[in-house]
Amino acid sequence: MSEAEENDFLAVGKFRRTHGIRGDLLFTVITDFPERLKPGTTVFVGDQKKPLKISSLKPHNDGIIFGFKGITNPEEAIAYVTEYVYVPLEDRPALPEGEYYHHQIVGLKVVDVNGKDLGIVSEILITGANDVYVTKTNQGKEILIPAVKQVLKEINLEEKTMIVELPEGLIE
């Protein structure tokens, strides 16, 4: 799961396991903005979006160890292992012009520069060079669209559309 929208929330990470004897949890970060997670911040955990207030944090290898108010031992913490952690969607930081959150792209209608309907962005593949937008056609096929300036001509969030200019031979 990438940083994705779920109702009015944005996933920012996932708990991997408990850590130590105080009920701390090891967290895998899946947000580009982990700095917003600090002591005093309330996050929402799991499908029920249970609110938990961060009481402490410290970096740990490839993750973060969090302590939470009201969780004082591993037995209490174990209930949260493998759960996703969310923040309210309205708390997301603003991005520079021309940059978008993945949840803003998934679901956009894709049209080529000639007005031909190509389908809907169903998911985003994160590659080393650039993201790739997986677009499902009305016929159920997939078109892989590289997220590069040469291809992406316009993204209009209000109209929920993306205009692209595909290289020759990319689609039939």
Protein backbone atom coordinates (compact mmCIF):
# COMPACT_ATOMS: atom_id res chain seq x y z
CA MET A 1 0.00 0.00 0.00
CA SER A 2 1.46 3.38 -0.92
CA GLU A 3 0.47 6.66 0.69
CA ALA A 4 -3.22 6.20 -0.15
CA GLU A 5 -6.52 7.76 0.63
CA GLU A 6 -8.99 5.81 2.72
CA ASN A 7 -12.14 7.91 3.19
CA ASP A 8 -10.90 11.11 4.87
CA PHE A 9 -7.55 9.67 5.95
CA LEU A 10 -4.10 9.21 4.46
CA ALA A 11 -1.95 6.18 5.32
CA VAL A 12 1.48 7.21 6.62
CA GLY A 13 2.87 3.88 7.80
CA LYS A 14 2.35 0.47 9.30
CA PHE A 15 3.27 -1.10 12.63
CA ARG A 16 5.63 -4.06 12.22
CA ARG A 17 6.13 -5.34 15.75
CA THR A 18 6.33 -4.43 19.41
CA HIS A 19 9.65 -3.16 20.75
CA GLY A 20 10.91 -3.43 24.30
CA ILE A 21 9.01 -3.72 27.58
CA ARG A 22 7.20 -0.35 27.60
CA GLY A 23 4.70 -1.09 24.82
CA ASP A 24 6.53 0.73 22.06
CA LEU A 25 5.86 -0.18 18.42
CA LEU A 26 8.24 -0.35 15.44
CA PHE A 27 6.77 1.60 12.54
CA THR A 28 7.47 1.35 8.80
CA VAL A 29 7.20 4.76 7.14
CA ILE A 30 5.21 5.02 3.86
CA THR A 31 4.93 8.79 3.72
CA ASP A 32 7.26 11.36 2.22
CA PHE A 33 6.58 13.57 5.26
CA PRO A 34 7.48 11.61 8.42
CA GLU A 35 8.40 14.88 10.15
CA ARG A 36 4.68 15.49 10.80
CA LEU A 37 4.70 12.51 13.18
CA LYS A 38 5.98 13.87 16.50
CA PRO A 39 5.14 13.67 20.20
CA GLY A 40 1.73 15.18 20.85
CA THR A 41 0.38 14.25 17.40
CA THR A 42 -2.72 12.07 17.28
CA VAL A 43 -2.70 9.34 14.64
CA PHE A 44 -5.50 6.95 13.73
CA VAL A 45 -4.86 3.22 13.69
CA GLY A 46 -6.44 0.36 11.80
CA ASP A 47 -9.74 0.07 9.95
CA GLN A 48 -11.59 1.52 12.95
CA LYS A 49 -9.23 4.56 12.96
CA LYS A 50 -8.62 4.32 16.70
CA PRO A 51 -7.00 7.59 17.86
CA LEU A 52 -3.61 7.24 19.57
CA LYS A 53 -1.48 10.13 20.81
CA ILE A 54 2.26 9.82 20.17
CA SER A 55 4.20 10.22 23.43
CA SER A 56 7.70 9.43 22.16
CA LEU A 57 9.63 8.49 19.05
CA LYS A 58 13.13 7.57 18.04
CA PRO A 59 14.66 6.45 14.74
CA HIS A 60 15.49 2.76 14.52
CA ASN A 61 17.32 1.24 11.53
CA ASP A 62 14.80 1.54 8.66
CA GLY A 63 11.84 2.63 10.81
CA ILE A 64 10.71 4.61 13.83
CA ILE A 65 9.94 3.38 17.34
CA PHE A 66 6.81 5.05 18.71
CA GLY A 67 5.48 5.20 22.23
CA PHE A 68 1.82 6.05 22.76
CA LYS A 69 -0.09 7.54 25.65
CA GLY A 70 -2.03 4.76 27.37
CA ILE A 71 0.02 1.86 25.95
CA THR A 72 2.43 0.77 28.67
CA ASN A 73 3.40 -2.83 27.92
CA PRO A 74 3.90 -5.24 25.00
CA GLU A 75 0.63 -7.04 25.74
CA GLU A 76 -1.33 -3.83 25.04
CA ALA A 77 0.83 -2.94 22.01
CA ILE A 78 0.50 -6.32 20.27
CA ALA A 79 -3.08 -5.49 19.24
CA TYR A 80 -1.71 -2.87 16.84
CA VAL A 81 0.94 -4.97 15.07
CA THR A 82 0.39 -5.08 11.25
CA GLU A 83 -2.13 -2.20 11.43
CA TYR A 84 -1.88 0.80 9.12
CA VAL A 85 -1.51 4.24 10.67
CA TYR A 86 -3.40 7.23 9.26
CA VAL A 87 -3.53 11.00 9.58
CA PRO A 88 -6.50 13.16 8.58
CA LEU A 89 -6.42 14.01 4.87
CA GLU A 90 -6.69 17.74 5.59
CA ASP A 91 -3.42 17.56 7.58
CA ARG A 92 -1.33 16.66 4.54
CA PRO A 93 1.37 19.18 3.62
CA ALA A 94 0.89 21.22 0.46
CA LEU A 95 2.99 20.10 -2.50
CA PRO A 96 4.77 22.35 -4.98
CA GLU A 97 2.85 23.19 -8.15
CA GLY A 98 2.88 20.29 -10.61
CA GLU A 99 3.34 17.63 -7.90
CA TYR A 100 0.50 15.42 -6.69
CA TYR A 101 -0.24 12.88 -4.01
CA HIS A 102 -0.86 9.36 -5.33
CA HIS A 103 -4.44 9.39 -4.03
CA GLN A 104 -5.09 12.45 -6.21
CA ILE A 105 -3.93 10.60 -9.36
CA VAL A 106 -5.64 7.22 -8.82
CA GLY A 107 -9.14 7.45 -10.29
CA LEU A 108 -8.40 10.17 -12.86
CA LYS A 109 -9.84 9.73 -16.35
CA VAL A 110 -7.01 9.54 -18.90
CA VAL A 111 -7.49 11.10 -22.33
CA ASP A 112 -4.93 11.48 -25.11
CA VAL A 113 -4.18 14.86 -26.72
CA ASN A 114 -6.67 14.01 -29.52
CA GLY A 115 -9.51 13.49 -27.03
CA LYS A 116 -9.52 9.67 -27.12
CA ASP A 117 -10.63 8.12 -23.82
CA LEU A 118 -7.87 5.77 -22.63
CA GLY A 119 -9.35 4.69 -19.30
CA ILE A 120 -8.96 5.33 -15.57
CA VAL A 121 -5.75 5.32 -13.49
CA SER A 122 -6.17 2.25 -11.27
CA GLU A 123 -2.81 2.18 -9.50
CA ILE A 124 0.67 3.64 -9.47
CA LEU A 125 3.84 1.62 -9.85
CA ILE A 126 6.85 3.16 -8.15
CA THR A 127 10.00 2.49 -10.15
CA GLY A 128 13.51 3.79 -9.69
CA ALA A 129 13.33 6.28 -12.54
CA ASN A 130 9.73 7.54 -12.46
CA ASP A 131 6.26 6.47 -11.41
CA VAL A 132 4.13 4.55 -13.90
CA TYR A 133 0.36 5.06 -14.01
CA VAL A 134 -1.53 1.81 -14.60
CA THR A 135 -4.58 2.79 -16.64
CA LYS A 136 -7.47 0.36 -17.11
CA THR A 137 -9.30 0.70 -20.41
CA ASN A 138 -13.04 0.17 -20.85
CA GLN A 139 -12.12 -3.18 -22.42
CA GLY A 140 -10.32 -4.28 -19.23
CA LYS A 141 -6.81 -3.97 -20.67
CA GLU A 142 -4.00 -2.09 -18.94
CA ILE A 143 -1.92 0.72 -20.39
CA LEU A 144 1.27 1.61 -18.55
CA ILE A 145 1.84 5.35 -18.75
CA PRO A 146 5.21 6.74 -17.63
CA ALA A 147 4.80 9.76 -15.34
CA VAL A 148 7.22 12.02 -17.21
CA LYS A 149 6.77 15.55 -18.55
CA GLN A 150 7.09 14.39 -22.17
CA VAL A 151 3.97 12.23 -21.73
CA LEU A 152 1.88 14.08 -19.14
CA LYS A 153 0.45 17.20 -20.75
CA GLU A 154 -2.14 18.25 -18.18
CA ILE A 155 -3.59 17.10 -14.87
CA ASN A 156 -6.85 18.73 -13.86
CA LEU A 157 -7.92 17.65 -10.38
CA GLU A 158 -11.16 19.64 -10.51
CA GLU A 159 -12.29 17.84 -13.67
CA LYS A 160 -10.60 14.59 -12.56
CA THR A 161 -8.79 14.25 -15.89
CA MET A 162 -5.29 13.67 -17.16
CA ILE A 163 -4.27 14.51 -20.72
CA VAL A 164 -1.36 12.50 -22.13
CA GLU A 165 0.65 12.30 -25.33
CA LEU A 166 1.72 8.70 -25.68
CA PRO A 167 4.76 7.60 -27.66
CA GLU A 168 4.04 5.77 -30.92
CA GLY A 169 3.33 2.06 -30.44
CA LEU A 170 2.52 2.30 -26.73
CA ILE A 171 -1.09 1.28 -27.40
CA GLU A 172 -2.81 -0.39 -30.31
